[in-house]
Amino acid sequence: MRFELNETQQLLRGAARDFLAAECPMTQVRAWMDTETAYDDSLWRKLAEQGWTGILFPEEYDGAGLSLVEAAVALEEMGRSLLPGPFLSTVLLAGTVIHAAGSEAQRRKYLVPICRGEARSTLALLEASASWDLEAVRLEAARTGSGYRLSGRKLFVGDAAVADFLVCAARTGSELALLMVPRGTRGLRITPMPALDLTRRLYEVVFENAEVAEEEALAVGPAAHAALAQALDTATVGLVAEMVGGMQQVLDTTVKYAKTRQQFGKPIGQFQAVQHQCADMLLWTESSRSAAYYAAWAMREGIAEAPRAVSIAKMYASDAYREVGNRGIQVHGGMGFTWENDVHLYFRRAKASEILFGDATYHRERIARLWIDAPVAAASGPAC
């Protein structure tokens, strides 16, 4: 039984940290934040060269053939660097849906370009209710002689402006459907929405009688529901791993500041009140890391407890990242919330990530439902 990263995973972590330190410094992150999409094509190509855009997918689709545990290792480093752009939307959301629900031809058409870094995608799921419950999907997909006609709107769609195609969740009658909608489809309109985290842009996507061909339907009915649920759990684990990286960076930055900032003739880190803040930050960070990697292992192994492990990890990290960001700002004092200080950028990411894929309240309720529906014995532990 292993409770630490193996040698390969440690090498991946080191390579990811070095790559992101060189290609994604905070000065560059701030420059990308000032653009309309927070996306840089050159950076995306370099991510693809590292194999990260295909990290979760089999080699037969030009992927790297690694597991969610390895993806979590890379995502933790991405969170530490505050990586902007559509990685989460493309790889962990849209890519996972396509791999789980698509036919062989659809995987060749859509998943292979994602793995190669030649295409970006996203999932259009949320609507006016802003609920992550799949039963909340109401956008209409009316059957036509040649496929489907979409009418309605989706909200808070991440990175839609840079997506080459969208995976749209809709209803055809009473059944859930997953439909591929290429950019440029007639009747498709994408409009920016305000976002707290400027490294991840959100959009309103409106469908005005947009036609989708029959062959662009990934799945309909129970298969669509299962694929979407799997993709959301996968993306949630990836997000929690990313949140852990952000917490670690805030903690490291805060401890460094506490060691150097002088007050009353000595470093503020010598004051017990500041030490308590840092100790709490460490506890939240390490606990979130344990929950994240256990959930990644459970998903990889396909154990029955995996969905509950995912919700436990997200429930805890949603509160923990917010608190770590808050304590980091408190220790930095008045400068902590100024635009020039990087800590507040992590706090913005923390607040956005807190509600992405469901906040702590949503996941507590989900844990209760999962426990009632299918109680299982506790697993003995992960092996990375």
Protein backbone atom coordinates (compact mmCIF):
# COMPACT_ATOMS: atom_id res chain seq x y z
CA MET A 1 0.00 0.00 0.00
CA ARG A 2 1.49 3.33 -1.09
CA PHE A 3 0.54 6.67 0.41
CA GLU A 4 2.98 8.82 -1.52
CA LEU A 5 3.65 9.56 -5.17
CA ASN A 6 5.70 6.95 -6.99
CA GLU A 7 8.90 7.82 -8.84
CA THR A 8 7.17 8.49 -12.15
CA GLN A 9 4.61 10.77 -10.53
CA GLN A 10 7.34 12.66 -8.69
CA LEU A 11 9.18 13.20 -11.98
CA LEU A 12 5.95 14.45 -13.55
CA ARG A 13 5.46 16.88 -10.67
CA GLY A 14 8.99 18.21 -11.02
CA ALA A 15 8.72 18.58 -14.78
CA ALA A 16 5.35 20.34 -14.48
CA ARG A 17 6.65 22.73 -11.84
CA ASP A 18 9.72 23.64 -13.91
CA PHE A 19 7.68 24.06 -17.10
CA LEU A 20 5.06 26.29 -15.49
CA ALA A 21 7.68 28.37 -13.67
CA ALA A 22 9.27 29.13 -17.04
CA GLU A 23 6.16 29.50 -19.20
CA CYS A 24 3.55 30.80 -16.75
CA PRO A 25 5.10 33.37 -14.38
CA MET A 26 2.70 35.72 -12.64
CA THR A 27 3.74 38.64 -14.83
CA GLN A 28 2.59 36.67 -17.86
CA VAL A 29 -0.58 35.48 -16.11
CA ARG A 30 -1.49 39.10 -15.48
CA ALA A 31 -0.87 39.92 -19.14
CA TRP A 32 -3.19 37.11 -20.24
CA MET A 33 -5.82 38.31 -17.76
CA ASP A 34 -5.90 41.62 -19.61
CA THR A 35 -6.93 39.95 -22.87
CA GLU A 36 -10.55 39.26 -23.83
CA THR A 37 -10.26 35.46 -23.50
CA ALA A 38 -7.32 34.86 -21.08
CA TYR A 39 -6.10 32.40 -23.71
CA ASP A 40 -2.73 32.19 -25.43
CA ASP A 41 -2.32 29.91 -28.43
CA SER A 42 1.42 29.58 -27.96
CA LEU A 43 1.01 28.38 -24.38
CA TRP A 44 -1.68 25.91 -25.47
CA ARG A 45 0.65 24.40 -28.07
CA LYS A 46 3.36 24.04 -25.44
CA LEU A 47 0.92 22.29 -23.09
CA ALA A 48 0.15 19.89 -25.94
CA GLU A 49 3.86 19.27 -26.52
CA GLN A 50 4.11 18.23 -22.87
CA GLY A 51 1.35 15.68 -23.53
CA TRP A 52 -1.01 17.29 -21.04
CA THR A 53 -3.91 17.88 -23.41
CA GLY A 54 -4.13 14.11 -23.83
CA ILE A 55 -3.03 13.09 -20.37
CA LEU A 56 -6.22 11.17 -19.52
CA PHE A 57 -6.87 9.50 -22.84
CA PRO A 58 -5.60 6.28 -24.48
CA GLU A 59 -2.63 6.31 -26.81
CA GLU A 60 -4.85 5.15 -29.67
CA TYR A 61 -6.35 8.66 -29.67
CA ASP A 62 -2.89 10.28 -29.44
CA GLY A 63 -3.26 10.59 -25.69
CA ALA A 64 -0.67 9.90 -22.99
CA GLY A 65 -2.59 6.99 -21.47
CA LEU A 66 -2.12 8.14 -17.87
CA SER A 67 -4.64 8.05 -15.04
CA LEU A 68 -6.52 10.66 -13.04
CA VAL A 69 -3.87 10.41 -10.31
CA GLU A 70 -1.18 11.61 -12.75
CA ALA A 71 -3.54 14.29 -14.03
CA ALA A 72 -4.05 15.45 -10.44
CA VAL A 73 -0.29 15.80 -10.04
CA ALA A 74 -0.09 18.07 -13.09
CA LEU A 75 -3.21 20.00 -12.11
CA GLU A 76 -1.85 20.72 -8.65
CA GLU A 77 1.09 22.45 -10.28
CA MET A 78 -1.25 24.31 -12.64
CA GLY A 79 -3.17 25.59 -9.63
CA ARG A 80 0.06 26.69 -7.99
CA SER A 81 0.88 28.75 -11.11
CA LEU A 82 -2.70 30.02 -11.61
CA LEU A 83 -2.66 28.67 -15.17
CA PRO A 84 -5.25 30.54 -17.25
CA GLY A 85 -7.17 29.24 -20.24
CA PRO A 86 -9.36 26.31 -21.25
CA PHE A 87 -7.46 23.26 -19.92
CA LEU A 88 -10.12 22.29 -17.40
CA SER A 89 -12.97 22.95 -19.85
CA THR A 90 -11.35 21.13 -22.75
CA VAL A 91 -9.59 18.14 -21.25
CA LEU A 92 -11.41 17.24 -18.05
CA LEU A 93 -14.93 18.25 -19.11
CA ALA A 94 -15.49 18.07 -22.86
CA GLY A 95 -12.75 15.54 -23.54
CA THR A 96 -13.97 13.18 -20.83
CA VAL A 97 -17.55 13.41 -22.11
CA ILE A 98 -16.47 12.67 -25.68
CA HIS A 99 -14.35 9.71 -24.59
CA ALA A 100 -17.11 8.28 -22.41
CA ALA A 101 -20.08 8.84 -24.72
CA GLY A 102 -18.75 9.16 -28.26
CA SER A 103 -18.60 6.54 -30.96
CA GLU A 104 -15.28 5.52 -32.45
CA ALA A 105 -15.82 7.92 -35.35
CA GLN A 106 -16.70 10.78 -32.97
CA ARG A 107 -13.64 10.13 -30.86
CA ARG A 108 -11.48 10.26 -33.97
CA LYS A 109 -13.16 13.46 -35.10
CA TYR A 110 -13.19 15.35 -31.79
CA LEU A 111 -10.99 13.67 -29.18
CA VAL A 112 -7.87 13.20 -31.29
CA PRO A 113 -7.59 16.94 -32.09
CA ILE A 114 -7.99 17.72 -28.40
CA CYS A 115 -5.19 15.32 -27.48
CA ARG A 116 -2.96 16.83 -30.17
CA GLY A 117 -3.66 20.35 -28.94
CA GLU A 118 -5.29 21.26 -32.24
CA ALA A 119 -8.74 21.95 -30.81
CA ARG A 120 -10.39 23.32 -27.70
CA SER A 121 -13.84 22.57 -26.37
CA THR A 122 -16.13 23.11 -23.40
CA LEU A 123 -19.32 21.82 -21.82
CA ALA A 124 -22.51 23.89 -21.99
CA LEU A 125 -24.49 22.65 -18.98
CA LEU A 126 -25.74 25.32 -16.56
CA GLU A 127 -28.96 27.21 -17.16
CA ALA A 128 -31.00 29.82 -15.27
CA SER A 129 -31.22 27.64 -12.16
CA ALA A 130 -27.38 27.48 -11.99
CA SER A 131 -27.79 23.93 -10.63
CA TRP A 132 -25.21 21.23 -11.25
CA ASP A 133 -27.89 18.57 -10.85
CA LEU A 134 -28.35 16.87 -14.22
CA GLU A 135 -32.11 16.90 -13.72
CA ALA A 136 -31.96 20.71 -13.96
CA VAL A 137 -31.12 20.57 -17.69
CA ARG A 138 -34.09 22.04 -19.58
CA LEU A 139 -32.73 23.35 -22.89
CA GLU A 140 -34.87 21.89 -25.67
CA ALA A 141 -33.47 19.66 -28.39
CA ALA A 142 -36.41 19.02 -30.72
CA ARG A 143 -36.14 16.08 -33.09
CA THR A 144 -36.09 16.89 -36.80
CA GLY A 145 -35.86 14.72 -39.86
CA SER A 146 -32.07 15.01 -39.92
CA GLY A 147 -31.15 15.49 -36.28
CA TYR A 148 -31.98 18.05 -33.58
CA ARG A 149 -32.91 21.72 -33.29
CA LEU A 150 -31.62 23.54 -30.21
CA SER A 151 -33.51 26.46 -28.69
CA GLY A 152 -32.62 28.16 -25.41
CA ARG A 153 -29.58 29.41 -23.55
CA LYS A 154 -26.76 28.19 -21.36
CA LEU A 155 -25.05 30.31 -18.73
CA PHE A 156 -21.58 30.41 -17.13
CA VAL A 157 -20.03 28.36 -19.94
CA GLY A 158 -16.29 28.40 -19.44
CA ASP A 159 -13.99 29.36 -22.33
CA ALA A 160 -16.77 29.20 -24.92
CA ALA A 161 -15.22 31.97 -27.04
CA VAL A 162 -12.09 29.92 -27.74
CA ALA A 163 -13.85 26.56 -28.14
CA ASP A 164 -13.83 24.98 -31.59
CA PHE A 165 -16.89 22.96 -30.62
CA LEU A 166 -19.22 22.76 -27.64
CA VAL A 167 -20.68 19.72 -25.92
CA CYS A 168 -24.24 20.78 -25.16
CA ALA A 169 -26.45 19.04 -22.61
CA ALA A 170 -30.11 19.26 -23.63
CA ARG A 171 -33.47 17.50 -23.31
CA THR A 172 -35.13 15.66 -26.13
CA GLY A 173 -38.49 14.84 -24.65
CA SER A 174 -37.76 13.49 -21.19
CA GLU A 175 -34.31 12.16 -22.07
CA LEU A 176 -30.93 13.80 -21.60
CA ALA A 177 -28.92 14.30 -24.81
CA LEU A 178 -25.29 15.26 -25.42
CA LEU A 179 -24.85 17.09 -28.71
CA MET A 180 -21.75 18.40 -30.46
CA VAL A 181 -22.16 21.98 -31.68
CA PRO A 182 -19.24 23.30 -33.79
CA ARG A 183 -18.31 26.95 -33.57
CA GLY A 184 -19.90 28.81 -36.44
CA THR A 185 -23.12 26.83 -36.32
CA ARG A 186 -25.97 28.97 -37.55
CA GLY A 187 -28.12 30.17 -34.65
CA LEU A 188 -25.26 29.93 -32.12
CA ARG A 189 -24.43 33.15 -30.25
CA ILE A 190 -21.73 33.53 -27.58
CA THR A 191 -21.64 36.57 -25.27
CA PRO A 192 -19.16 37.34 -22.43
CA MET A 193 -20.42 37.29 -18.84
CA PRO A 194 -18.80 38.94 -15.79
CA ALA A 195 -16.37 36.68 -13.94
CA LEU A 196 -14.64 37.07 -10.58
CA ASP A 197 -11.67 34.96 -11.68
CA LEU A 198 -10.17 36.80 -14.65
CA THR A 199 -8.04 33.79 -15.61
CA ARG A 200 -11.21 31.85 -16.52
CA ARG A 201 -13.73 33.64 -18.72
CA LEU A 202 -17.43 32.80 -18.62
CA TYR A 203 -19.99 33.16 -21.40
CA GLU A 204 -23.67 33.05 -22.18
CA VAL A 205 -24.40 30.68 -25.05
CA VAL A 206 -27.70 31.19 -26.88
CA PHE A 207 -29.16 28.69 -29.35
CA GLU A 208 -31.71 30.14 -31.76
CA ASN A 209 -33.04 27.15 -33.73
CA ALA A 210 -29.50 25.84 -34.12
CA GLU A 211 -29.45 22.67 -36.22
CA VAL A 212 -27.39 19.69 -35.09
CA ALA A 213 -27.00 16.70 -37.38
CA GLU A 214 -27.89 13.21 -36.16
CA GLU A 215 -24.27 12.08 -36.35
CA GLU A 216 -23.28 14.87 -33.94
CA ALA A 217 -25.26 13.31 -31.08
CA LEU A 218 -22.81 11.70 -28.66
CA ALA A 219 -25.44 9.93 -26.58
CA VAL A 220 -29.10 10.11 -25.61
CA GLY A 221 -30.83 8.73 -22.53
CA PRO A 222 -29.09 6.74 -19.76
CA ALA A 223 -25.79 6.63 -21.67
CA ALA A 224 -25.73 10.43 -21.82
CA HIS A 225 -26.53 10.70 -18.12
CA ALA A 226 -23.79 8.24 -17.16
CA ALA A 227 -21.16 9.90 -19.37
CA LEU A 228 -21.96 13.37 -18.07
CA ALA A 229 -21.93 12.24 -14.44
CA GLN A 230 -18.54 10.60 -14.97
CA ALA A 231 -17.14 13.71 -16.65
CA LEU A 232 -18.33 15.97 -13.85
CA ASP A 233 -16.76 13.74 -11.20
CA THR A 234 -13.50 13.62 -13.17
CA ALA A 235 -13.43 17.39 -13.61
CA THR A 236 -14.29 17.91 -9.94
CA VAL A 237 -11.31 15.83 -8.84
CA GLY A 238 -9.09 17.78 -11.22
CA LEU A 239 -10.42 21.05 -9.88
CA VAL A 240 -9.78 20.02 -6.26
CA ALA A 241 -6.20 19.07 -7.15
CA GLU A 242 -5.79 22.48 -8.76
CA MET A 243 -7.25 24.12 -5.65
CA VAL A 244 -4.67 22.31 -3.53
CA GLY A 245 -1.90 23.81 -5.66
CA GLY A 246 -3.36 27.26 -5.15
CA MET A 247 -3.58 26.74 -1.39
CA GLN A 248 0.04 25.61 -1.28
CA GLN A 249 1.20 28.68 -3.17
CA VAL A 250 -0.74 31.03 -0.89
CA LEU A 251 0.68 29.23 2.15
CA ASP A 252 4.27 29.40 0.84
CA THR A 253 3.92 33.07 -0.08
CA THR A 254 2.40 33.93 3.29
CA VAL A 255 5.03 32.07 5.34
CA LYS A 256 7.79 33.77 3.36
CA TYR A 257 6.21 37.16 4.00
CA ALA A 258 5.77 36.41 7.71
CA LYS A 259 9.48 35.61 7.98
CA THR A 260 10.58 38.89 6.43
CA ARG A 261 7.96 41.50 7.42
CA GLN A 262 9.18 43.35 10.52
CA GLN A 263 6.90 44.74 13.20
CA PHE A 264 7.99 45.99 16.64
CA GLY A 265 11.54 45.04 15.76
CA LYS A 266 10.99 41.39 14.83
CA PRO A 267 9.43 39.30 12.04
CA ILE A 268 5.66 39.04 12.34
CA GLY A 269 6.02 35.27 12.05
CA GLN A 270 7.24 35.26 15.65
CA PHE A 271 3.84 36.45 16.86
CA GLN A 272 1.64 33.60 18.01
CA ALA A 273 -1.48 35.00 16.30
CA VAL A 274 0.28 34.89 12.92
CA GLN A 275 1.61 31.40 13.62
CA HIS A 276 -1.94 30.21 14.33
CA GLN A 277 -3.09 31.57 10.96
CA CYS A 278 -0.30 29.77 9.11
CA ALA A 279 -0.90 26.54 11.03
CA ASP A 280 -4.57 26.59 10.06
CA MET A 281 -3.60 27.19 6.42
CA LEU A 282 -1.26 24.19 6.51
CA LEU A 283 -3.97 21.97 8.01
CA TRP A 284 -6.52 22.94 5.35
CA THR A 285 -3.99 22.47 2.55
CA GLU A 286 -2.76 19.04 3.61
CA SER A 287 -6.25 17.77 4.39
CA SER A 288 -7.47 18.93 0.98
CA ARG A 289 -4.50 17.23 -0.68
CA SER A 290 -5.28 13.92 1.05
CA ALA A 291 -8.92 14.11 0.00
CA ALA A 292 -8.02 15.05 -3.57
CA TYR A 293 -5.64 12.17 -4.16
CA TYR A 294 -7.89 9.66 -2.48
CA ALA A 295 -10.73 10.73 -4.78
CA ALA A 296 -8.42 10.48 -7.79
CA TRP A 297 -7.35 6.98 -6.75
CA ALA A 298 -10.97 5.93 -6.13
CA MET A 299 -11.98 7.17 -9.59
CA ARG A 300 -9.03 5.40 -11.18
CA GLU A 301 -9.86 2.12 -9.45
CA GLY A 302 -13.57 2.46 -10.16
CA ILE A 303 -14.62 1.57 -6.63
CA ALA A 304 -18.24 2.04 -5.59
CA GLU A 305 -17.30 4.73 -3.09
CA ALA A 306 -15.70 6.98 -5.73
CA PRO A 307 -18.58 9.47 -6.21
CA ARG A 308 -18.80 10.00 -2.48
CA ALA A 309 -15.02 10.49 -2.24
CA VAL A 310 -15.27 13.11 -4.98
CA SER A 311 -17.95 15.03 -3.12
CA ILE A 312 -16.08 14.82 0.19
CA ALA A 313 -12.98 16.27 -1.48
CA LYS A 314 -14.88 19.11 -3.16
CA MET A 315 -16.94 19.85 -0.05
CA TYR A 316 -13.82 20.24 2.06
CA ALA A 317 -11.70 22.09 -0.50
CA SER A 318 -14.47 24.57 -1.33
CA ASP A 319 -14.33 25.89 2.22
CA ALA A 320 -10.61 25.33 2.73
CA TYR A 321 -9.33 27.27 -0.31
CA ARG A 322 -11.52 30.23 0.56
CA GLU A 323 -10.22 30.22 4.13
CA VAL A 324 -6.59 29.78 3.09
CA GLY A 325 -6.91 32.72 0.71
CA ASN A 326 -8.59 34.80 3.39
CA ARG A 327 -5.94 34.01 6.01
CA GLY A 328 -3.18 34.75 3.49
CA ILE A 329 -4.62 38.19 2.87
CA GLN A 330 -5.01 38.79 6.62
CA VAL A 331 -1.36 37.99 7.31
CA HIS A 332 -0.28 40.30 4.49
CA GLY A 333 -2.31 43.08 6.09
CA GLY A 334 -3.41 46.13 4.13
CA MET A 335 -1.32 45.22 1.08
CA GLY A 336 -2.95 41.80 0.84
CA PHE A 337 -6.00 43.00 -1.06
CA THR A 338 -4.25 45.49 -3.34
CA TRP A 339 -4.19 44.82 -7.07
CA GLU A 340 -0.40 44.63 -7.09
CA ASN A 341 -0.33 41.73 -4.62
CA ASP A 342 -0.71 38.27 -6.17
CA VAL A 343 -2.44 36.73 -3.14
CA HIS A 344 -5.75 38.36 -3.99
CA LEU A 345 -5.66 36.70 -7.44
CA TYR A 346 -5.59 33.32 -5.73
CA PHE A 347 -8.48 34.41 -3.53
CA ARG A 348 -10.45 35.24 -6.68
CA ARG A 349 -9.67 31.76 -8.03
CA ALA A 350 -10.67 30.29 -4.67
CA LYS A 351 -14.07 32.00 -4.71
CA ALA A 352 -14.74 30.98 -8.32
CA SER A 353 -13.63 27.40 -7.67
CA GLU A 354 -15.74 27.24 -4.52
CA ILE A 355 -18.96 27.16 -6.56
CA LEU A 356 -17.64 25.50 -9.72
CA PHE A 357 -19.12 21.97 -9.98
CA GLY A 358 -21.09 22.64 -6.80
CA ASP A 359 -20.27 24.36 -3.53
CA ALA A 360 -19.86 22.70 -0.14
CA THR A 361 -23.61 22.71 0.56
CA TYR A 362 -24.36 21.03 -2.77
CA HIS A 363 -21.84 18.28 -2.10
CA ARG A 364 -22.96 17.71 1.48
CA GLU A 365 -26.44 17.07 0.13
CA ARG A 366 -25.01 14.80 -2.56
CA ILE A 367 -23.06 12.81 0.04
CA ALA A 368 -26.27 12.32 2.01
CA ARG A 369 -28.13 11.13 -1.08
CA LEU A 370 -25.31 8.76 -2.04
CA TRP A 371 -25.20 7.35 1.48
CA ILE A 372 -28.93 6.72 1.50
CA ASP A 373 -28.98 5.23 -2.00
CA ALA A 374 -25.93 2.99 -1.74
CA PRO A 375 -24.16 2.73 1.64
CA VAL A 376 -20.80 1.02 1.32
CA ALA A 377 -18.04 0.05 3.70
CA ALA A 378 -15.13 2.45 3.98
CA ALA A 379 -12.22 1.62 1.69
CA SER A 380 -8.89 0.73 3.26
CA GLY A 381 -6.97 3.52 1.51
CA PRO A 382 -5.36 4.65 -1.73
CA ALA A 383 -2.31 3.41 -3.54
CA CYS A 384 -0.92 6.06 -5.83
